[in-house]
PDB file of all heavy atoms in Angstrom:
ATOM      1  N   ARG A   1     105.496 105.456  99.949  1.00  0.00           N
ATOM      2  CA  ARG A   1     105.695 106.804  99.410  1.00  0.00           C
ATOM      3  C   ARG A   1     105.442 106.838  97.902  1.00  0.00           C
ATOM      4  O   ARG A   1     104.856 107.789  97.374  1.00  0.00           O
ATOM      5  CB  ARG A   1     107.107 107.296  99.730  1.00  0.00           C
ATOM      6  CG  ARG A   1     107.257 107.787 101.159  1.00  0.00           C
ATOM      7  CD  ARG A   1     108.552 108.515 101.390  1.00  0.00           C
ATOM      8  NE  ARG A   1     109.676 107.612 101.583  1.00  0.00           N
ATOM      9  CZ  ARG A   1     109.986 107.051 102.746  1.00  0.00           C
ATOM     10  NH1 ARG A   1     109.267 107.291 103.834  1.00  0.00           N
ATOM     11  NH2 ARG A   1     111.034 106.260 102.862  1.00  0.00           N
ATOM     12  N   LYS A   2     105.865 105.796  97.224  1.00  0.00           N
ATOM     13  CA  LYS A   2     105.618 105.724  95.781  1.00  0.00           C
ATOM     14  C   LYS A   2     104.126 105.592  95.487  1.00  0.00           C
ATOM     15  O   LYS A   2     103.612 106.184  94.528  1.00  0.00           O
ATOM     16  CB  LYS A   2     106.390 104.550  95.178  1.00  0.00           C
ATOM     17  CG  LYS A   2     107.909 104.715  95.245  1.00  0.00           C
ATOM     18  CD  LYS A   2     108.620 103.506  94.658  1.00  0.00           C
ATOM     19  CE  LYS A   2     110.130 103.677  94.735  1.00  0.00           C
ATOM     20  NZ  LYS A   2     110.869 102.491  94.203  1.00  0.00           N
ATOM     21  N   LEU A   3     103.433 104.828  96.329  1.00  0.00           N
ATOM     22  CA  LEU A   3     101.989 104.666  96.143  1.00  0.00           C
ATOM     23  C   LEU A   3     101.261 105.982  96.348  1.00  0.00           C
ATOM     24  O   LEU A   3     100.360 106.340  95.583  1.00  0.00           O
ATOM     25  CB  LEU A   3     101.464 103.617  97.120  1.00  0.00           C
ATOM     26  CG  LEU A   3     101.851 102.163  96.836  1.00  0.00           C
ATOM     27  CD1 LEU A   3     101.576 101.293  98.055  1.00  0.00           C
ATOM     28  CD2 LEU A   3     101.073 101.639  95.626  1.00  0.00           C
ATOM     29  N   VAL A   4     101.646 106.714  97.384  1.00  0.00           N
ATOM     30  CA  VAL A   4     101.008 108.007  97.657  1.00  0.00           C
ATOM     31  C   VAL A   4     101.280 108.996  96.525  1.00  0.00           C
ATOM     32  O   VAL A   4     100.388 109.752  96.113  1.00  0.00           O
ATOM     33  CB  VAL A   4     101.499 108.569  99.009  1.00  0.00           C
ATOM     34  CG1 VAL A   4     101.052 110.021  99.198  1.00  0.00           C
ATOM     35  CG2 VAL A   4     100.985 107.716 100.161  1.00  0.00           C
ATOM     36  N   ALA A   5     102.505 108.988  96.008  1.00  0.00           N
ATOM     37  CA  ALA A   5     102.853 109.903  94.917  1.00  0.00           C
ATOM     38  C   ALA A   5     102.036 109.617  93.663  1.00  0.00           C
ATOM     39  O   ALA A   5     101.724 110.530  92.889  1.00  0.00           O
ATOM     40  CB  ALA A   5     104.345 109.788  94.609  1.00  0.00           C
ATOM     41  N   ALA A   6     101.648 108.355  93.482  1.00  0.00           N
ATOM     42  CA  ALA A   6     100.924 107.967  92.269  1.00  0.00           C
ATOM     43  C   ALA A   6      99.411 107.985  92.448  1.00  0.00           C
ATOM     44  O   ALA A   6      98.673 107.928  91.453  1.00  0.00           O
ATOM     45  CB  ALA A   6     101.367 106.569  91.830  1.00  0.00           C
ATOM     46  N   SER A   7      98.944 108.075  93.689  1.00  0.00           N
ATOM     47  CA  SER A   7      97.506 107.940  93.940  1.00  0.00           C
ATOM     48  C   SER A   7      96.970 109.034  94.858  1.00  0.00           C
ATOM     49  O   SER A   7      97.220 108.998  96.076  1.00  0.00           O
ATOM     50  CB  SER A   7      97.210 106.571  94.571  1.00  0.00           C
ATOM     51  OG  SER A   7      95.891 106.525  95.067  1.00  0.00           O
ATOM     52  N   PRO A   8      96.216 109.977  94.320  1.00  0.00           N
ATOM     53  CA  PRO A   8      95.575 110.999  95.177  1.00  0.00           C
ATOM     54  C   PRO A   8      94.651 110.375  96.214  1.00  0.00           C
ATOM     55  O   PRO A   8      94.536 110.891  97.332  1.00  0.00           O
ATOM     56  CB  PRO A   8      94.785 111.844  94.171  1.00  0.00           C
ATOM     57  CG  PRO A   8      95.499 111.661  92.866  1.00  0.00           C
ATOM     58  CD  PRO A   8      95.983 110.247  92.881  1.00  0.00           C
ATOM     59  N   ALA A   9      94.019 109.257  95.881  1.00  0.00           N
ATOM     60  CA  ALA A   9      93.090 108.616  96.817  1.00  0.00           C
ATOM     61  C   ALA A   9      93.820 108.097  98.057  1.00  0.00           C
ATOM     62  O   ALA A   9      93.335 108.252  99.181  1.00  0.00           O
ATOM     63  CB  ALA A   9      92.352 107.468  96.127  1.00  0.00           C
ATOM     64  N   ILE A  10      94.992 107.490  97.874  1.00  0.00           N
ATOM     65  CA  ILE A  10      95.748 106.978  99.018  1.00  0.00           C
ATOM     66  C   ILE A  10      96.290 108.139  99.844  1.00  0.00           C
ATOM     67  O   ILE A  10      96.261 108.106 101.076  1.00  0.00           O
ATOM     68  CB  ILE A  10      96.881 106.051  98.555  1.00  0.00           C
ATOM     69  CG1 ILE A  10      96.301 104.818  97.854  1.00  0.00           C
ATOM     70  CG2 ILE A  10      97.745 105.621  99.742  1.00  0.00           C
ATOM     71  CD1 ILE A  10      97.351 103.861  97.304  1.00  0.00           C
ATOM     72  N   GLY A  11      96.760 109.177  99.175  1.00  0.00           N
ATOM     73  CA  GLY A  11      97.251 110.349  99.898  1.00  0.00           C
ATOM     74  C   GLY A  11      96.152 111.016 100.714  1.00  0.00           C
ATOM     75  O   GLY A  11      96.364 111.401 101.874  1.00  0.00           O
ATOM     76  N   ASP A  12      94.973 111.132 100.147  1.00  0.00           N
ATOM     77  CA  ASP A  12      93.848 111.737 100.862  1.00  0.00           C
ATOM     78  C   ASP A  12      93.449 110.895 102.060  1.00  0.00           C
ATOM     79  O   ASP A  12      93.133 111.419 103.136  1.00  0.00           O
ATOM     80  CB  ASP A  12      92.663 111.890  99.913  1.00  0.00           C
ATOM     81  CG  ASP A  12      91.451 112.509 100.582  1.00  0.00           C
ATOM     82  OD1 ASP A  12      91.540 113.680 101.001  1.00  0.00           O
ATOM     83  OD2 ASP A  12      90.416 111.818 100.695  1.00  0.00           O
ATOM     84  N   LEU A  13      93.475 109.598 101.886  1.00  0.00           N
ATOM     85  CA  LEU A  13      93.176 108.670 102.977  1.00  0.00           C
ATOM     86  C   LEU A  13      94.117 108.913 104.161  1.00  0.00           C
ATOM     87  O   LEU A  13      93.684 108.957 105.323  1.00  0.00           O
ATOM     88  CB  LEU A  13      93.304 107.250 102.444  1.00  0.00           C
ATOM     89  CG  LEU A  13      93.283 106.026 103.342  1.00  0.00           C
ATOM     90  CD1 LEU A  13      92.781 104.837 102.539  1.00  0.00           C
ATOM     91  CD2 LEU A  13      94.687 105.703 103.871  1.00  0.00           C
ATOM     92  N   CYS A  14      95.407 109.090 103.882  1.00  0.00           N
ATOM     93  CA  CYS A  14      96.397 109.318 104.934  1.00  0.00           C
ATOM     94  C   CYS A  14      96.128 110.622 105.677  1.00  0.00           C
ATOM     95  O   CYS A  14      96.178 110.676 106.916  1.00  0.00           O
ATOM     96  CB  CYS A  14      97.800 109.357 104.343  1.00  0.00           C
ATOM     97  SG  CYS A  14      98.356 107.802 103.630  1.00  0.00           S
ATOM     98  N   MET A  15      95.851 111.676 104.935  1.00  0.00           N
ATOM     99  CA  MET A  15      95.614 112.979 105.546  1.00  0.00           C
ATOM    100  C   MET A  15      94.358 112.968 106.406  1.00  0.00           C
ATOM    101  O   MET A  15      94.332 113.531 107.506  1.00  0.00           O
ATOM    102  CB  MET A  15      95.509 114.053 104.464  1.00  0.00           C
ATOM    103  CG  MET A  15      96.789 114.294 103.689  1.00  0.00           C
ATOM    104  SD  MET A  15      98.164 114.813 104.755  1.00  0.00           S
ATOM    105  CE  MET A  15      97.557 116.411 105.318  1.00  0.00           C
ATOM    106  N   ARG A  16      93.305 112.330 105.919  1.00  0.00           N
ATOM    107  CA  ARG A  16      92.058 112.304 106.674  1.00  0.00           C
ATOM    108  C   ARG A  16      92.222 111.541 107.981  1.00  0.00           C
ATOM    109  O   ARG A  16      91.724 111.965 109.025  1.00  0.00           O
ATOM    110  CB  ARG A  16      90.944 111.673 105.829  1.00  0.00           C
ATOM    111  CG  ARG A  16      90.402 112.586 104.744  1.00  0.00           C
ATOM    112  CD  ARG A  16      89.174 112.005 104.092  1.00  0.00           C
ATOM    113  NE  ARG A  16      89.484 110.858 103.232  1.00  0.00           N
ATOM    114  CZ  ARG A  16      89.153 109.605 103.506  1.00  0.00           C
ATOM    115  NH1 ARG A  16      88.507 109.315 104.624  1.00  0.00           N
ATOM    116  NH2 ARG A  16      89.464 108.621 102.671  1.00  0.00           N
ATOM    117  N   PHE A  17      92.926 110.414 107.941  1.00  0.00           N
ATOM    118  CA  PHE A  17      93.058 109.653 109.182  1.00  0.00           C
ATOM    119  C   PHE A  17      94.032 110.322 110.136  1.00  0.00           C
ATOM    120  O   PHE A  17      93.879 110.214 111.355  1.00  0.00           O
ATOM    121  CB  PHE A  17      93.481 108.206 108.929  1.00  0.00           C
ATOM    122  CG  PHE A  17      93.365 107.377 110.177  1.00  0.00           C
ATOM    123  CD1 PHE A  17      92.112 107.035 110.679  1.00  0.00           C
ATOM    124  CD2 PHE A  17      94.484 106.970 110.886  1.00  0.00           C
ATOM    125  CE1 PHE A  17      91.984 106.304 111.855  1.00  0.00           C
ATOM    126  CE2 PHE A  17      94.367 106.240 112.055  1.00  0.00           C
ATOM    127  CZ  PHE A  17      93.106 105.908 112.545  1.00  0.00           C
ATOM    128  N   ASN A  18      95.017 111.032 109.630  1.00  0.00           N
ATOM    129  CA  ASN A  18      95.916 111.775 110.510  1.00  0.00           C
ATOM    130  C   ASN A  18      95.134 112.818 111.304  1.00  0.00           C
ATOM    131  O   ASN A  18      95.372 113.013 112.496  1.00  0.00           O
ATOM    132  CB  ASN A  18      97.025 112.446 109.706  1.00  0.00           C
ATOM    133  CG  ASN A  18      98.101 113.042 110.596  1.00  0.00           C
ATOM    134  OD1 ASN A  18      98.736 112.339 111.373  1.00  0.00           O
ATOM    135  ND2 ASN A  18      98.307 114.344 110.496  1.00  0.00           N
ATOM    136  N   GLU A  19      94.183 113.472 110.653  1.00  0.00           N
ATOM    137  CA  GLU A  19      93.332 114.438 111.349  1.00  0.00           C
ATOM    138  C   GLU A  19      92.480 113.740 112.402  1.00  0.00           C
ATOM    139  O   GLU A  19      92.272 114.265 113.506  1.00  0.00           O
ATOM    140  CB  GLU A  19      92.441 115.168 110.345  1.00  0.00           C
ATOM    141  CG  GLU A  19      91.526 116.220 110.970  1.00  0.00           C
ATOM    142  CD  GLU A  19      92.280 117.341 111.660  1.00  0.00           C
ATOM    143  OE1 GLU A  19      93.439 117.620 111.284  1.00  0.00           O
ATOM    144  OE2 GLU A  19      91.707 117.938 112.595  1.00  0.00           O
ATOM    145  N   THR A  20      92.002 112.544 112.089  1.00  0.00           N
ATOM    146  CA  THR A  20      91.229 111.765 113.058  1.00  0.00           C
ATOM    147  C   THR A  20      92.060 111.463 114.303  1.00  0.00           C
ATOM    148  O   THR A  20      91.576 111.573 115.436  1.00  0.00           O
ATOM    149  CB  THR A  20      90.753 110.441 112.429  1.00  0.00           C
ATOM    150  OG1 THR A  20      89.870 110.724 111.343  1.00  0.00           O
ATOM    151  CG2 THR A  20      90.028 109.572 113.443  1.00  0.00           C
ATOM    152  N   LEU A  21      93.329 111.102 114.115  1.00  0.00           N
ATOM    153  CA  LEU A  21      94.202 110.824 115.251  1.00  0.00           C
ATOM    154  C   LEU A  21      94.450 112.076 116.087  1.00  0.00           C
ATOM    155  O   LEU A  21      94.493 112.007 117.325  1.00  0.00           O
ATOM    156  CB  LEU A  21      95.543 110.265 114.772  1.00  0.00           C
ATOM    157  CG  LEU A  21      95.562 108.824 114.276  1.00  0.00           C
ATOM    158  CD1 LEU A  21      96.965 108.435 113.834  1.00  0.00           C
ATOM    159  CD2 LEU A  21      95.071 107.860 115.360  1.00  0.00           C
ATOM    160  N   LEU A  22      94.603 113.219 115.440  1.00  0.00           N
ATOM    161  CA  LEU A  22      94.811 114.471 116.172  1.00  0.00           C
ATOM    162  C   LEU A  22      93.595 114.797 117.031  1.00  0.00           C
ATOM    163  O   LEU A  22      93.728 115.213 118.187  1.00  0.00           O
ATOM    164  CB  LEU A  22      95.102 115.608 115.192  1.00  0.00           C
ATOM    165  CG  LEU A  22      96.456 115.561 114.485  1.00  0.00           C
ATOM    166  CD1 LEU A  22      96.551 116.671 113.444  1.00  0.00           C
ATOM    167  CD2 LEU A  22      97.591 115.689 115.490  1.00  0.00           C
ATOM    168  N   VAL A  23      92.417 114.620 116.469  1.00  0.00           N
ATOM    169  CA  VAL A  23      91.190 114.864 117.230  1.00  0.00           C
ATOM    170  C   VAL A  23      91.100 113.905 118.412  1.00  0.00           C
ATOM    171  O   VAL A  23      90.771 114.302 119.535  1.00  0.00           O
ATOM    172  CB  VAL A  23      89.951 114.726 116.320  1.00  0.00           C
ATOM    173  CG1 VAL A  23      88.670 114.752 117.157  1.00  0.00           C
ATOM    174  CG2 VAL A  23      89.917 115.836 115.286  1.00  0.00           C
ATOM    175  N   GLN A  24      91.410 112.636 118.172  1.00  0.00           N
ATOM    176  CA  GLN A  24      91.361 111.633 119.239  1.00  0.00           C
ATOM    177  C   GLN A  24      92.337 111.983 120.358  1.00  0.00           C
ATOM    178  O   GLN A  24      92.003 111.854 121.553  1.00  0.00           O
ATOM    179  CB  GLN A  24      91.673 110.247 118.672  1.00  0.00           C
ATOM    180  CG  GLN A  24      91.424 109.127 119.656  1.00  0.00           C
ATOM    181  CD  GLN A  24      91.764 107.749 119.115  1.00  0.00           C
ATOM    182  OE1 GLN A  24      92.029 106.823 119.880  1.00  0.00           O
ATOM    183  NE2 GLN A  24      91.748 107.583 117.808  1.00  0.00           N
ATOM    184  N   ALA A  25      93.528 112.449 119.992  1.00  0.00           N
ATOM    185  CA  ALA A  25      94.528 112.812 120.995  1.00  0.00           C
ATOM    186  C   ALA A  25      94.059 114.000 121.829  1.00  0.00           C
ATOM    187  O   ALA A  25      94.266 114.035 123.052  1.00  0.00           O
ATOM    188  CB  ALA A  25      95.858 113.133 120.315  1.00  0.00           C
ATOM    189  N   ARG A  26      93.404 114.974 121.196  1.00  0.00           N
ATOM    190  CA  ARG A  26      92.909 116.135 121.938  1.00  0.00           C
ATOM    191  C   ARG A  26      91.822 115.736 122.924  1.00  0.00           C
ATOM    192  O   ARG A  26      91.806 116.184 124.072  1.00  0.00           O
ATOM    193  CB  ARG A  26      92.375 117.187 120.955  1.00  0.00           C
ATOM    194  CG  ARG A  26      93.453 117.812 120.081  1.00  0.00           C
ATOM    195  CD  ARG A  26      92.839 118.806 119.108  1.00  0.00           C
ATOM    196  NE  ARG A  26      93.827 119.259 118.125  1.00  0.00           N
ATOM    197  CZ  ARG A  26      93.673 119.173 116.810  1.00  0.00           C
ATOM    198  NH1 ARG A  26      92.556 118.661 116.307  1.00  0.00           N
ATOM    199  NH2 ARG A  26      94.606 119.618 115.992  1.00  0.00           N
ATOM    200  N   ILE A  27      90.913 114.891 122.472  1.00  0.00           N
ATOM    201  CA  ILE A  27      89.827 114.444 123.350  1.00  0.00           C
ATOM    202  C   ILE A  27      90.391 113.624 124.512  1.00  0.00           C
ATOM    203  O   ILE A  27      89.981 113.784 125.671  1.00  0.00           O
ATOM    204  CB  ILE A  27      88.795 113.621 122.565  1.00  0.00           C
ATOM    205  CG1 ILE A  27      88.114 114.495 121.503  1.00  0.00           C
ATOM    206  CG2 ILE A  27      87.747 113.029 123.508  1.00  0.00           C
ATOM    207  CD1 ILE A  27      87.248 113.713 120.541  1.00  0.00           C
ATOM    208  N   THR A  28      91.358 112.749 124.224  1.00  0.00           N
ATOM    209  CA  THR A  28      91.958 111.922 125.266  1.00  0.00           C
ATOM    210  C   THR A  28      92.670 112.780 126.298  1.00  0.00           C
ATOM    211  O   THR A  28      92.590 112.521 127.511  1.00  0.00           O
ATOM    212  CB  THR A  28      92.945 110.914 124.656  1.00  0.00           C
ATOM    213  OG1 THR A  28      92.249 110.067 123.739  1.00  0.00           O
ATOM    214  CG2 THR A  28      93.590 110.050 125.732  1.00  0.00           C
ATOM    215  N   ALA A  29      93.377 113.832 125.843  1.00  0.00           N
ATOM    216  CA  ALA A  29      94.073 114.727 126.774  1.00  0.00           C
ATOM    217  C   ALA A  29      93.079 115.404 127.713  1.00  0.00           C
ATOM    218  O   ALA A  29      93.305 115.484 128.929  1.00  0.00           O
ATOM    219  CB  ALA A  29      94.867 115.769 125.998  1.00  0.00           C
ATOM    220  N   ALA A  30      91.970 115.882 127.157  1.00  0.00           N
ATOM    221  CA  ALA A  30      90.949 116.517 127.983  1.00  0.00           C
ATOM    222  C   ALA A  30      90.321 115.516 128.945  1.00  0.00           C
ATOM    223  O   ALA A  30      90.082 115.820 130.122  1.00  0.00           O
ATOM    224  CB  ALA A  30      89.875 117.145 127.095  1.00  0.00           C
ATOM    225  N   CYS A  31      90.070 114.316 128.460  1.00  0.00           N
ATOM    226  CA  CYS A  31      89.473 113.263 129.285  1.00  0.00           C
ATOM    227  C   CYS A  31      90.375 112.907 130.462  1.00  0.00           C
ATOM    228  O   CYS A  31      89.924 112.806 131.613  1.00  0.00           O
ATOM    229  CB  CYS A  31      89.207 112.037 128.428  1.00  0.00           C
ATOM    230  SG  CYS A  31      88.359 110.687 129.291  1.00  0.00           S
TER     231      CYS A  31
END
């Protein structure tokens, strides 16, 4: 949490991969 608060790059990395997981979950549900 301290790293994310100090680094926009790490925070952005987390948000982007969270979206990737959501997409993967939607595709898996349909599959």
